[in-house]
Amino acid sequence: MGSRPGRGPYAKSAGVRRRVLEACVDAFAQTGFYGATMKDVARRAGISYTARPPHPTIPPTRTTPTGKDQLVTRTPNGPILDTFTPYGNMMLMQSKMKDTRVSAVSGSLKGDNGVYALAAKDRTGASLMVWNWQHTHTDSYRATIDMSRLPADLRHGKVRQRTYRIDQTTSNYFTNPATAGLQMVDQKTITPGKTYTQAIDLDPNAIYLITLEPMR
C-alpha cells in the first residue's frame, strides 16, 4: 500500500510548514509572543504536538531559553513567513517520521553527550532520526547506522532513500536565511534487503533524518 495519490513529500512538507507558520502568527496576534504556547500553535495548525515531544537532547531545543523563538524568528516587522529556524526545521523533521516507534540503540554515548537515535515505521516505510548532542562540547562522530528487521515492503525491490540534515551551516536560518528551510542533502535508490547500513558524519549538535520508502 502506498501513499495517498497526489500528495508527495514536498506537498506534505509545504502544507505542514504553512499551517504552522499561519498558526504562529494567529497565536502571537491574540496572546502575544510570550503568551502563546507550542501546544496552542499545534492545535491551531491541526497537528499533534504531544504525540512526539522533542527528546531533551535534540540540539535545537536547548539553543535558546525559549523554543518558540527558535520556531519563528522575531524581527521589528514581525515574524518571518515561509522560513523556519533550526527548531522549526527539527519539528518538520519530526513530522516526516513514520507513525509507529520502534527500538533504536546507540553505542556512542559519553554520559549525556554523544549520538542518539529515534526510529519508526508504518505502511509507507521506515524512518530514523539521529543526532550528536554535544551542547558546548565539540566531539564529532563517524556513525554507522544499521537499520535491521526492515518492513517486508522494504526488503523486496527498490527503495527510495531521502536524507535531511540540520547543522551549523545546513537548514540554519542564523547562517544563511536564503537557504533556511529543511534541506534534503541526498536522495537515491537502494535495494536494502533485511538490513540497511550506512555511515554518516555527525558534527557537534547535527541532526539527520533518513527515510526509506518503497518505489511503486
N, C-alpha and C. Protein backbone atom coordinates (compact mmCIF):
# COMPACT_ATOMS: atom_id res chain seq x y z
N MET A 1 0.85 -1.19 0.00
CA MET A 1 0.00 0.00 0.00
C MET A 1 0.88 1.24 0.00
N GLY A 2 0.64 2.16 -0.91
CA GLY A 2 1.48 3.33 -0.99
C GLY A 2 0.81 4.55 -0.36
N SER A 3 1.43 5.69 -0.56
CA SER A 3 0.89 6.94 -0.05
C SER A 3 -0.34 7.33 -0.85
N ARG A 4 -1.15 8.20 -0.29
CA ARG A 4 -2.33 8.66 -0.98
C ARG A 4 -1.94 9.39 -2.25
N PRO A 5 -2.67 9.16 -3.36
CA PRO A 5 -2.29 9.78 -4.62
C PRO A 5 -2.38 11.29 -4.55
N GLY A 6 -1.45 11.95 -5.28
CA GLY A 6 -1.49 13.39 -5.39
C GLY A 6 -0.80 14.14 -4.28
N ARG A 7 -0.20 13.42 -3.31
CA ARG A 7 0.47 14.12 -2.20
C ARG A 7 1.86 13.52 -2.01
N GLY A 8 2.84 14.16 -2.63
CA GLY A 8 4.21 13.74 -2.46
C GLY A 8 4.80 14.35 -1.21
N PRO A 9 6.08 14.03 -0.91
CA PRO A 9 6.72 14.55 0.30
C PRO A 9 6.84 16.06 0.30
N TYR A 10 7.02 16.67 -0.87
CA TYR A 10 7.19 18.11 -0.90
C TYR A 10 5.87 18.83 -0.62
N ALA A 11 4.77 18.30 -1.18
CA ALA A 11 3.46 18.90 -0.91
C ALA A 11 3.12 18.80 0.55
N LYS A 12 3.40 17.65 1.16
CA LYS A 12 3.10 17.48 2.58
C LYS A 12 3.93 18.43 3.42
N SER A 13 5.23 18.55 3.15
CA SER A 13 6.10 19.42 3.93
C SER A 13 5.66 20.87 3.81
N ALA A 14 5.35 21.31 2.60
CA ALA A 14 4.94 22.69 2.40
C ALA A 14 3.64 22.97 3.13
N GLY A 15 2.72 22.01 3.11
CA GLY A 15 1.45 22.20 3.78
C GLY A 15 1.61 22.31 5.28
N VAL A 16 2.43 21.43 5.87
CA VAL A 16 2.68 21.48 7.31
C VAL A 16 3.35 22.79 7.68
N ARG A 17 4.36 23.19 6.91
CA ARG A 17 5.08 24.43 7.21
C ARG A 17 4.14 25.63 7.17
N ARG A 18 3.30 25.70 6.13
CA ARG A 18 2.39 26.83 6.00
C ARG A 18 1.39 26.86 7.17
N ARG A 19 0.82 25.71 7.54
CA ARG A 19 -0.15 25.69 8.63
C ARG A 19 0.48 26.11 9.95
N VAL A 20 1.70 25.65 10.22
CA VAL A 20 2.36 26.01 11.48
C VAL A 20 2.68 27.50 11.52
N LEU A 21 3.20 28.03 10.42
CA LEU A 21 3.54 29.45 10.39
C LEU A 21 2.31 30.33 10.54
N GLU A 22 1.21 29.97 9.86
CA GLU A 22 -0.01 30.75 9.99
C GLU A 22 -0.57 30.65 11.41
N ALA A 23 -0.45 29.45 12.01
CA ALA A 23 -0.93 29.29 13.39
C ALA A 23 -0.10 30.13 14.35
N CYS A 24 1.21 30.23 14.12
CA CYS A 24 2.06 31.07 14.97
C CYS A 24 1.64 32.53 14.89
N VAL A 25 1.42 33.00 13.68
CA VAL A 25 1.02 34.40 13.51
C VAL A 25 -0.30 34.66 14.24
N ASP A 26 -1.28 33.75 14.09
CA ASP A 26 -2.57 33.93 14.77
C ASP A 26 -2.41 33.92 16.28
N ALA A 27 -1.62 32.97 16.79
CA ALA A 27 -1.45 32.84 18.24
C ALA A 27 -0.74 34.07 18.81
N PHE A 28 0.32 34.52 18.13
CA PHE A 28 1.06 35.68 18.63
C PHE A 28 0.19 36.93 18.60
N ALA A 29 -0.66 37.04 17.57
CA ALA A 29 -1.51 38.22 17.46
C ALA A 29 -2.55 38.25 18.58
N GLN A 30 -3.05 37.10 19.00
CA GLN A 30 -4.10 37.05 20.01
C GLN A 30 -3.58 37.09 21.44
N THR A 31 -2.46 36.41 21.69
CA THR A 31 -1.99 36.28 23.07
C THR A 31 -0.63 36.90 23.31
N GLY A 32 0.00 37.42 22.24
CA GLY A 32 1.35 37.94 22.40
C GLY A 32 2.37 36.81 22.31
N PHE A 33 3.61 37.18 22.01
CA PHE A 33 4.63 36.15 21.82
C PHE A 33 4.82 35.30 23.07
N TYR A 34 4.92 35.93 24.23
CA TYR A 34 5.19 35.17 25.44
C TYR A 34 3.94 34.49 26.00
N GLY A 35 2.76 34.86 25.51
CA GLY A 35 1.55 34.21 25.97
C GLY A 35 1.22 32.95 25.18
N ALA A 36 1.77 32.84 23.96
CA ALA A 36 1.47 31.68 23.12
C ALA A 36 2.28 30.47 23.58
N THR A 37 1.72 29.28 23.38
CA THR A 37 2.41 28.04 23.72
C THR A 37 2.51 27.17 22.47
N MET A 38 3.48 26.25 22.48
CA MET A 38 3.64 25.34 21.35
C MET A 38 2.42 24.45 21.20
N LYS A 39 1.80 24.07 22.32
CA LYS A 39 0.59 23.23 22.26
C LYS A 39 -0.54 23.98 21.57
N ASP A 40 -0.67 25.28 21.86
CA ASP A 40 -1.71 26.09 21.22
C ASP A 40 -1.44 26.23 19.72
N VAL A 41 -0.18 26.45 19.37
CA VAL A 41 0.18 26.55 17.95
C VAL A 41 -0.15 25.24 17.23
N ALA A 42 0.18 24.11 17.83
CA ALA A 42 -0.10 22.81 17.21
C ALA A 42 -1.61 22.62 17.04
N ARG A 43 -2.39 23.01 18.06
CA ARG A 43 -3.84 22.87 17.98
C ARG A 43 -4.39 23.70 16.82
N ARG A 44 -3.93 24.94 16.70
CA ARG A 44 -4.40 25.81 15.62
C ARG A 44 -4.02 25.26 14.25
N ALA A 45 -2.84 24.62 14.18
CA ALA A 45 -2.35 24.09 12.89
C ALA A 45 -2.95 22.73 12.56
N GLY A 46 -3.63 22.12 13.53
CA GLY A 46 -4.23 20.82 13.29
C GLY A 46 -3.24 19.68 13.24
N ILE A 47 -2.12 19.81 14.00
CA ILE A 47 -1.13 18.74 14.05
C ILE A 47 -0.92 18.33 15.50
N SER A 48 -0.28 17.19 15.70
CA SER A 48 -0.05 16.68 17.04
C SER A 48 1.26 17.22 17.58
N TYR A 49 1.20 17.75 18.79
CA TYR A 49 2.43 18.20 19.47
C TYR A 49 2.83 17.23 20.57
N THR A 50 1.87 16.71 21.32
CA THR A 50 2.20 15.83 22.45
C THR A 50 2.57 14.43 22.00
N ALA A 51 2.18 14.03 20.80
CA ALA A 51 2.45 12.66 20.37
C ALA A 51 3.95 12.42 20.20
N ARG A 52 4.68 13.46 19.78
CA ARG A 52 6.12 13.31 19.59
C ARG A 52 6.84 14.48 20.22
N PRO A 53 6.89 14.57 21.54
CA PRO A 53 7.62 15.67 22.16
C PRO A 53 9.10 15.56 21.84
N PRO A 54 9.80 16.68 21.65
CA PRO A 54 11.23 16.61 21.34
C PRO A 54 12.01 15.91 22.45
N HIS A 55 12.91 15.03 22.07
CA HIS A 55 13.80 14.41 23.04
C HIS A 55 14.64 15.52 23.69
N PRO A 56 14.88 15.49 25.01
CA PRO A 56 15.56 16.60 25.67
C PRO A 56 16.97 16.87 25.16
N THR A 57 17.57 15.93 24.44
CA THR A 57 18.93 16.16 23.94
C THR A 57 18.97 16.61 22.48
N ILE A 58 17.82 16.72 21.80
CA ILE A 58 17.86 17.21 20.42
C ILE A 58 18.40 18.63 20.44
N PRO A 59 19.47 18.94 19.73
CA PRO A 59 20.19 20.21 19.91
C PRO A 59 19.34 21.47 19.87
N PRO A 60 18.46 21.69 18.86
CA PRO A 60 17.79 22.99 18.82
C PRO A 60 16.88 23.27 20.01
N THR A 61 16.48 22.26 20.78
CA THR A 61 15.58 22.50 21.89
C THR A 61 16.28 23.24 23.02
N ARG A 62 17.60 23.32 22.99
CA ARG A 62 18.33 23.99 24.05
C ARG A 62 19.23 25.11 23.54
N THR A 63 18.99 25.55 22.31
CA THR A 63 19.84 26.58 21.74
C THR A 63 19.57 27.94 22.37
N THR A 64 18.31 28.22 22.68
CA THR A 64 17.95 29.48 23.32
C THR A 64 17.02 29.18 24.48
N PRO A 65 16.78 30.16 25.37
CA PRO A 65 15.92 29.91 26.53
C PRO A 65 14.49 29.51 26.17
N THR A 66 14.01 29.93 24.99
CA THR A 66 12.64 29.57 24.62
C THR A 66 12.61 28.93 23.25
N GLY A 67 12.01 27.75 23.17
CA GLY A 67 11.91 27.07 21.89
C GLY A 67 11.06 27.83 20.89
N LYS A 68 10.10 28.66 21.36
CA LYS A 68 9.26 29.42 20.44
C LYS A 68 10.11 30.37 19.61
N ASP A 69 11.14 30.94 20.21
CA ASP A 69 11.99 31.86 19.48
C ASP A 69 12.77 31.15 18.39
N GLN A 70 12.97 29.84 18.57
CA GLN A 70 13.65 29.07 17.55
C GLN A 70 12.71 28.69 16.41
N LEU A 71 11.42 28.60 16.67
CA LEU A 71 10.49 28.20 15.62
C LEU A 71 10.28 29.31 14.60
N VAL A 72 9.95 30.50 15.06
CA VAL A 72 9.74 31.65 14.19
C VAL A 72 10.55 32.81 14.72
N THR A 73 11.50 33.31 13.95
CA THR A 73 12.37 34.38 14.40
C THR A 73 11.63 35.72 14.37
N ARG A 74 11.75 36.47 15.44
CA ARG A 74 11.13 37.78 15.51
C ARG A 74 12.01 38.82 14.82
N THR A 75 11.36 39.77 14.15
CA THR A 75 12.04 40.92 13.56
C THR A 75 11.23 42.17 13.94
N PRO A 76 11.77 43.36 13.73
CA PRO A 76 10.98 44.57 14.02
C PRO A 76 9.67 44.64 13.27
N ASN A 77 9.59 43.93 12.12
CA ASN A 77 8.38 43.93 11.31
C ASN A 77 7.50 42.72 11.55
N GLY A 78 7.82 41.92 12.57
CA GLY A 78 7.01 40.75 12.88
C GLY A 78 7.68 39.46 12.46
N PRO A 79 6.96 38.31 12.60
CA PRO A 79 7.53 37.01 12.25
C PRO A 79 7.86 36.91 10.76
N ILE A 80 8.86 36.12 10.44
CA ILE A 80 9.26 35.89 9.05
C ILE A 80 8.47 34.70 8.51
N LEU A 81 7.63 34.93 7.52
CA LEU A 81 6.81 33.86 6.97
C LEU A 81 7.62 32.99 6.02
N ASP A 82 7.18 31.73 5.90
CA ASP A 82 7.79 30.76 4.98
C ASP A 82 9.24 30.44 5.31
N THR A 83 9.67 30.74 6.53
CA THR A 83 11.05 30.47 6.91
C THR A 83 11.10 29.91 8.33
N PHE A 84 11.53 28.67 8.46
CA PHE A 84 11.72 28.06 9.76
C PHE A 84 13.15 28.28 10.24
N THR A 85 13.31 28.37 11.53
CA THR A 85 14.62 28.38 12.16
C THR A 85 15.01 26.92 12.43
N PRO A 86 16.21 26.64 12.98
CA PRO A 86 16.58 25.23 13.22
C PRO A 86 15.58 24.45 14.05
N TYR A 87 14.99 25.09 15.07
CA TYR A 87 13.99 24.38 15.87
C TYR A 87 12.76 24.05 15.04
N GLY A 88 12.32 25.00 14.21
CA GLY A 88 11.19 24.72 13.34
C GLY A 88 11.49 23.61 12.35
N ASN A 89 12.71 23.59 11.81
CA ASN A 89 13.10 22.51 10.90
C ASN A 89 13.15 21.17 11.61
N MET A 90 13.54 21.17 12.89
CA MET A 90 13.51 19.93 13.65
C MET A 90 12.08 19.41 13.79
N MET A 91 11.12 20.32 14.02
CA MET A 91 9.72 19.91 14.09
C MET A 91 9.25 19.37 12.75
N LEU A 92 9.70 19.99 11.65
CA LEU A 92 9.35 19.50 10.33
C LEU A 92 9.95 18.11 10.10
N MET A 93 11.19 17.90 10.57
CA MET A 93 11.77 16.56 10.53
C MET A 93 10.87 15.56 11.24
N GLN A 94 10.42 15.91 12.44
CA GLN A 94 9.58 15.00 13.21
C GLN A 94 8.28 14.69 12.48
N SER A 95 7.74 15.66 11.74
CA SER A 95 6.50 15.41 11.01
C SER A 95 6.71 14.39 9.89
N LYS A 96 7.96 14.19 9.46
CA LYS A 96 8.26 13.21 8.43
C LYS A 96 8.52 11.81 9.00
N MET A 97 8.63 11.70 10.32
CA MET A 97 8.81 10.39 10.92
C MET A 97 7.57 9.52 10.70
N LYS A 98 7.78 8.21 10.59
CA LYS A 98 6.65 7.31 10.43
C LYS A 98 5.89 7.18 11.75
N ASP A 99 4.79 6.45 11.74
CA ASP A 99 3.83 6.53 12.85
C ASP A 99 4.17 5.68 14.07
N THR A 100 4.77 4.52 13.87
CA THR A 100 4.96 3.58 14.98
C THR A 100 6.42 3.54 15.40
N ARG A 101 6.68 3.95 16.62
CA ARG A 101 8.06 3.98 17.10
C ARG A 101 8.57 2.56 17.35
N VAL A 102 9.82 2.33 16.97
CA VAL A 102 10.47 1.03 17.19
C VAL A 102 11.80 1.27 17.90
N SER A 103 12.43 0.20 18.33
CA SER A 103 13.65 0.30 19.13
C SER A 103 14.80 0.90 18.32
N ALA A 104 15.56 1.78 18.97
CA ALA A 104 16.78 2.35 18.39
C ALA A 104 17.81 2.45 19.51
N VAL A 105 19.00 1.90 19.29
CA VAL A 105 20.03 1.82 20.32
C VAL A 105 21.30 2.49 19.81
N SER A 106 21.94 3.27 20.69
CA SER A 106 23.21 3.92 20.34
C SER A 106 24.34 3.37 21.20
N GLY A 107 25.49 3.16 20.57
CA GLY A 107 26.68 2.71 21.30
C GLY A 107 27.72 3.80 21.40
N SER A 108 27.30 5.06 21.18
CA SER A 108 28.26 6.18 21.15
C SER A 108 27.85 7.28 22.10
N LEU A 109 27.77 6.94 23.39
CA LEU A 109 27.40 7.93 24.40
C LEU A 109 28.50 8.03 25.45
N LYS A 110 28.79 9.28 25.82
CA LYS A 110 29.73 9.56 26.91
C LYS A 110 28.98 10.41 27.92
N GLY A 111 28.39 9.77 28.90
CA GLY A 111 27.49 10.48 29.79
C GLY A 111 26.25 10.87 29.01
N ASP A 112 25.88 12.16 29.06
CA ASP A 112 24.74 12.64 28.29
C ASP A 112 25.10 12.99 26.86
N ASN A 113 26.37 13.12 26.55
CA ASN A 113 26.80 13.55 25.23
C ASN A 113 26.99 12.36 24.30
N GLY A 114 26.81 12.63 23.00
CA GLY A 114 27.05 11.59 22.02
C GLY A 114 25.88 11.43 21.06
N VAL A 115 25.80 10.26 20.45
CA VAL A 115 24.84 10.01 19.37
C VAL A 115 23.57 9.37 19.93
N TYR A 116 22.44 9.98 19.62
CA TYR A 116 21.12 9.47 19.98
C TYR A 116 20.35 9.12 18.71
N ALA A 117 19.30 8.30 18.86
CA ALA A 117 18.52 7.92 17.69
C ALA A 117 17.07 7.65 18.06
N LEU A 118 16.17 7.94 17.13
CA LEU A 118 14.76 7.57 17.19
C LEU A 118 14.41 6.89 15.88
N ALA A 119 13.68 5.78 15.94
CA ALA A 119 13.31 5.05 14.73
C ALA A 119 11.80 4.79 14.74
N ALA A 120 11.22 4.69 13.54
CA ALA A 120 9.79 4.44 13.43
C ALA A 120 9.50 3.78 12.08
N LYS A 121 8.32 3.16 11.99
CA LYS A 121 7.90 2.53 10.75
C LYS A 121 6.37 2.61 10.64
N ASP A 122 5.86 2.43 9.43
CA ASP A 122 4.44 2.25 9.20
C ASP A 122 4.28 1.66 7.80
N ARG A 123 3.06 1.67 7.28
CA ARG A 123 2.82 1.01 5.99
C ARG A 123 3.51 1.73 4.83
N THR A 124 3.96 2.98 5.05
CA THR A 124 4.61 3.72 3.96
C THR A 124 6.12 3.58 3.96
N GLY A 125 6.72 2.97 5.00
CA GLY A 125 8.17 2.82 5.04
C GLY A 125 8.75 2.89 6.43
N ALA A 126 10.00 3.34 6.51
CA ALA A 126 10.70 3.43 7.79
C ALA A 126 11.45 4.75 7.86
N SER A 127 11.76 5.19 9.09
CA SER A 127 12.48 6.45 9.26
C SER A 127 13.40 6.34 10.46
N LEU A 128 14.47 7.12 10.41
CA LEU A 128 15.44 7.16 11.51
C LEU A 128 15.94 8.58 11.68
N MET A 129 15.84 9.09 12.90
CA MET A 129 16.38 10.39 13.25
C MET A 129 17.57 10.16 14.15
N VAL A 130 18.72 10.75 13.82
CA VAL A 130 19.94 10.53 14.61
C VAL A 130 20.63 11.88 14.79
N TRP A 131 21.14 12.12 15.99
CA TRP A 131 21.77 13.42 16.28
C TRP A 131 22.93 13.26 17.25
N ASN A 132 23.83 14.21 17.19
CA ASN A 132 25.03 14.23 18.02
C ASN A 132 24.90 15.35 19.03
N TRP A 133 24.37 15.03 20.20
CA TRP A 133 24.17 16.03 21.24
C TRP A 133 25.50 16.32 21.93
N GLN A 134 25.98 17.56 21.81
CA GLN A 134 27.24 17.95 22.42
C GLN A 134 27.10 19.18 23.32
N HIS A 135 25.98 19.91 23.21
CA HIS A 135 25.79 21.14 23.97
C HIS A 135 27.00 22.05 23.71
N THR A 136 27.89 22.25 24.65
CA THR A 136 29.06 23.11 24.43
C THR A 136 30.32 22.32 24.11
N HIS A 137 30.22 20.98 24.02
CA HIS A 137 31.38 20.17 23.67
C HIS A 137 31.56 20.16 22.16
N THR A 138 32.64 19.57 21.69
CA THR A 138 32.98 19.70 20.27
C THR A 138 33.27 18.35 19.59
N ASP A 139 32.84 17.24 20.17
CA ASP A 139 33.14 15.93 19.59
C ASP A 139 32.30 15.68 18.34
N SER A 140 32.94 15.21 17.28
CA SER A 140 32.27 14.75 16.07
C SER A 140 32.31 13.23 16.03
N TYR A 141 31.40 12.63 15.26
CA TYR A 141 31.33 11.18 15.17
C TYR A 141 31.17 10.74 13.72
N ARG A 142 31.84 9.64 13.40
CA ARG A 142 31.57 8.91 12.17
C ARG A 142 30.66 7.75 12.59
N ALA A 143 29.35 7.93 12.41
CA ALA A 143 28.37 6.97 12.93
C ALA A 143 27.98 5.98 11.84
N THR A 144 27.88 4.71 12.22
CA THR A 144 27.39 3.67 11.32
C THR A 144 25.96 3.33 11.70
N ILE A 145 25.05 3.58 10.78
CA ILE A 145 23.63 3.32 11.00
C ILE A 145 23.30 1.93 10.49
N ASP A 146 22.73 1.12 11.35
CA ASP A 146 22.36 -0.26 10.99
C ASP A 146 20.86 -0.41 11.20
N MET A 147 20.10 -0.32 10.11
CA MET A 147 18.65 -0.46 10.17
C MET A 147 18.29 -1.90 9.85
N SER A 148 17.95 -2.65 10.90
CA SER A 148 17.68 -4.08 10.75
C SER A 148 16.18 -4.36 10.90
N ARG A 149 15.79 -5.57 10.54
CA ARG A 149 14.40 -6.01 10.60
C ARG A 149 13.46 -5.01 9.93
N LEU A 150 13.83 -4.63 8.71
CA LEU A 150 13.03 -3.69 7.95
C LEU A 150 11.67 -4.29 7.59
N PRO A 151 10.64 -3.46 7.42
CA PRO A 151 9.33 -3.98 6.99
C PRO A 151 9.44 -4.72 5.67
N ALA A 152 8.52 -5.65 5.45
CA ALA A 152 8.58 -6.52 4.27
C ALA A 152 8.60 -5.72 2.96
N ASP A 153 7.87 -4.61 2.90
CA ASP A 153 7.81 -3.82 1.67
C ASP A 153 9.16 -3.22 1.31
N LEU A 154 10.08 -3.13 2.29
CA LEU A 154 11.39 -2.54 2.02
C LEU A 154 12.45 -3.60 1.72
N ARG A 155 12.10 -4.85 1.92
CA ARG A 155 13.10 -5.92 1.73
C ARG A 155 13.10 -6.49 0.32
N HIS A 156 12.09 -6.15 -0.45
CA HIS A 156 11.97 -6.73 -1.79
C HIS A 156 11.77 -5.60 -2.80
N GLY A 157 12.73 -5.41 -3.66
CA GLY A 157 12.63 -4.38 -4.68
C GLY A 157 13.35 -3.11 -4.31
N LYS A 158 13.12 -2.10 -5.13
CA LYS A 158 13.83 -0.83 -4.98
C LYS A 158 13.17 0.05 -3.93
N VAL A 159 14.03 0.80 -3.23
CA VAL A 159 13.58 1.67 -2.15
C VAL A 159 14.18 3.07 -2.37
N ARG A 160 13.36 4.09 -2.14
CA ARG A 160 13.85 5.46 -2.24
C ARG A 160 14.32 5.93 -0.87
N GLN A 161 15.57 6.34 -0.79
CA GLN A 161 16.12 6.89 0.46
C GLN A 161 16.26 8.39 0.33
N ARG A 162 15.74 9.12 1.31
CA ARG A 162 15.92 10.57 1.39
C ARG A 162 16.63 10.89 2.70
N THR A 163 17.58 11.82 2.63
CA THR A 163 18.35 12.22 3.81
C THR A 163 18.24 13.73 3.99
N TYR A 164 17.88 14.15 5.20
CA TYR A 164 17.76 15.56 5.55
C TYR A 164 18.77 15.88 6.66
N ARG A 165 19.23 17.13 6.72
CA ARG A 165 20.24 17.47 7.73
C ARG A 165 20.02 18.88 8.27
N ILE A 166 20.26 19.02 9.57
CA ILE A 166 20.32 20.33 10.23
C ILE A 166 21.65 20.39 10.97
N ASP A 167 22.44 21.43 10.71
CA ASP A 167 23.68 21.63 11.46
C ASP A 167 24.04 23.11 11.43
N GLN A 168 25.28 23.43 11.68
CA GLN A 168 25.68 24.83 11.78
C GLN A 168 25.55 25.59 10.46
N THR A 169 25.61 24.89 9.35
CA THR A 169 25.58 25.56 8.04
C THR A 169 24.44 25.11 7.15
N THR A 170 23.69 24.08 7.54
CA THR A 170 22.64 23.50 6.71
C THR A 170 21.30 23.59 7.42
N SER A 171 20.26 24.03 6.71
CA SER A 171 18.91 24.20 7.29
C SER A 171 18.98 25.11 8.50
N ASN A 172 19.77 26.18 8.39
CA ASN A 172 20.04 27.02 9.56
C ASN A 172 19.85 28.49 9.21
N TYR A 173 18.77 29.07 9.68
CA TYR A 173 18.44 30.46 9.40
C TYR A 173 19.55 31.41 9.83
N PHE A 174 20.20 31.08 10.95
CA PHE A 174 21.17 32.01 11.52
C PHE A 174 22.47 32.05 10.74
N THR A 175 22.69 31.06 9.87
CA THR A 175 23.86 31.06 8.99
C THR A 175 23.55 31.67 7.63
N ASN A 176 22.42 31.24 7.05
CA ASN A 176 22.05 31.72 5.72
C ASN A 176 20.53 31.74 5.59
N PRO A 177 19.89 32.89 5.79
CA PRO A 177 18.43 32.96 5.72
C PRO A 177 17.87 32.51 4.37
N ALA A 178 18.65 32.63 3.31
CA ALA A 178 18.14 32.29 1.98
C ALA A 178 17.93 30.79 1.81
N THR A 179 18.67 29.98 2.57
CA THR A 179 18.52 28.52 2.49
C THR A 179 18.18 27.97 3.86
N ALA A 180 17.26 28.65 4.54
CA ALA A 180 16.95 28.29 5.92
C ALA A 180 16.00 27.11 6.03
N GLY A 181 15.28 26.75 4.97
CA GLY A 181 14.35 25.64 5.04
C GLY A 181 15.05 24.32 5.24
N LEU A 182 14.28 23.31 5.64
CA LEU A 182 14.85 21.98 5.85
C LEU A 182 15.41 21.46 4.53
N GLN A 183 16.71 21.14 4.54
CA GLN A 183 17.41 20.75 3.32
C GLN A 183 17.50 19.23 3.18
N MET A 184 17.06 18.73 2.03
CA MET A 184 17.30 17.33 1.69
C MET A 184 18.68 17.26 1.04
N VAL A 185 19.63 16.59 1.70
CA VAL A 185 21.02 16.61 1.24
C VAL A 185 21.36 15.41 0.37
N ASP A 186 20.46 14.43 0.30
CA ASP A 186 20.74 13.25 -0.53
C ASP A 186 19.43 12.55 -0.85
N GLN A 187 19.35 12.02 -2.06
CA GLN A 187 18.23 11.18 -2.48
C GLN A 187 18.76 10.14 -3.45
N LYS A 188 18.47 8.88 -3.18
CA LYS A 188 18.97 7.82 -4.04
C LYS A 188 18.09 6.59 -3.95
N THR A 189 18.31 5.68 -4.89
CA THR A 189 17.58 4.42 -4.92
C THR A 189 18.48 3.31 -4.40
N ILE A 190 17.97 2.50 -3.48
CA ILE A 190 18.74 1.42 -2.88
C ILE A 190 17.93 0.13 -2.92
N THR A 191 18.59 -0.99 -2.66
CA THR A 191 17.94 -2.29 -2.51
C THR A 191 18.46 -2.89 -1.21
N PRO A 192 17.81 -2.60 -0.07
CA PRO A 192 18.41 -2.90 1.23
C PRO A 192 18.38 -4.35 1.68
N GLY A 193 17.37 -5.13 1.31
CA GLY A 193 17.25 -6.46 1.91
C GLY A 193 16.73 -6.35 3.34
N LYS A 194 17.10 -7.31 4.20
CA LYS A 194 16.60 -7.30 5.58
C LYS A 194 17.26 -6.21 6.43
N THR A 195 18.48 -5.80 6.05
CA THR A 195 19.23 -4.83 6.83
C THR A 195 19.84 -3.80 5.90
N TYR A 196 19.85 -2.55 6.34
CA TYR A 196 20.48 -1.49 5.57
C TYR A 196 21.48 -0.76 6.46
N THR A 197 22.71 -0.62 5.95
CA THR A 197 23.78 0.02 6.72
C THR A 197 24.34 1.21 5.95
N GLN A 198 24.59 2.30 6.68
CA GLN A 198 25.16 3.50 6.07
C GLN A 198 25.97 4.25 7.11
N ALA A 199 27.07 4.85 6.68
CA ALA A 199 27.90 5.67 7.56
C ALA A 199 27.60 7.14 7.30
N ILE A 200 27.49 7.93 8.38
CA ILE A 200 27.28 9.37 8.24
C ILE A 200 28.22 10.10 9.19
N ASP A 201 28.60 11.32 8.82
CA ASP A 201 29.46 12.16 9.65
C ASP A 201 28.60 13.14 10.42
N LEU A 202 28.68 13.07 11.74
CA LEU A 202 27.87 13.91 12.62
C LEU A 202 28.75 14.96 13.29
N ASP A 203 28.63 16.21 12.82
CA ASP A 203 29.30 17.30 13.51
C ASP A 203 28.62 17.56 14.85
N PRO A 204 29.23 18.33 15.73
CA PRO A 204 28.60 18.63 17.02
C PRO A 204 27.20 19.24 16.83
N ASN A 205 26.22 18.62 17.49
CA ASN A 205 24.83 19.09 17.50
C ASN A 205 24.13 19.01 16.15
N ALA A 206 24.64 18.20 15.24
CA ALA A 206 23.98 17.98 13.95
C ALA A 206 22.86 16.95 14.11
N ILE A 207 21.84 17.09 13.25
CA ILE A 207 20.70 16.16 13.24
C ILE A 207 20.50 15.65 11.82
N TYR A 208 20.31 14.36 11.68
CA TYR A 208 20.00 13.74 10.40
C TYR A 208 18.64 13.05 10.48
N LEU A 209 17.93 13.05 9.36
CA LEU A 209 16.74 12.22 9.20
C LEU A 209 16.90 11.40 7.94
N ILE A 210 16.72 10.09 8.04
CA ILE A 210 16.75 9.20 6.90
C ILE A 210 15.38 8.54 6.77
N THR A 211 14.77 8.63 5.59
CA THR A 211 13.51 7.94 5.33
C THR A 211 13.70 6.92 4.22
N LEU A 212 13.07 5.78 4.38
CA LEU A 212 13.08 4.73 3.37
C LEU A 212 11.64 4.43 2.97
N GLU A 213 11.36 4.48 1.67
CA GLU A 213 10.01 4.23 1.19
C GLU A 213 10.08 3.38 -0.08
N PRO A 214 9.22 2.36 -0.19
CA PRO A 214 9.25 1.51 -1.40
C PRO A 214 8.87 2.29 -2.62
N MET A 215 9.52 1.99 -3.74
CA MET A 215 9.20 2.61 -5.01
C MET A 215 8.14 1.77 -5.70
N ARG A 216 7.00 2.37 -5.97
CA ARG A 216 5.86 1.65 -6.56
C ARG A 216 5.91 1.74 -8.07
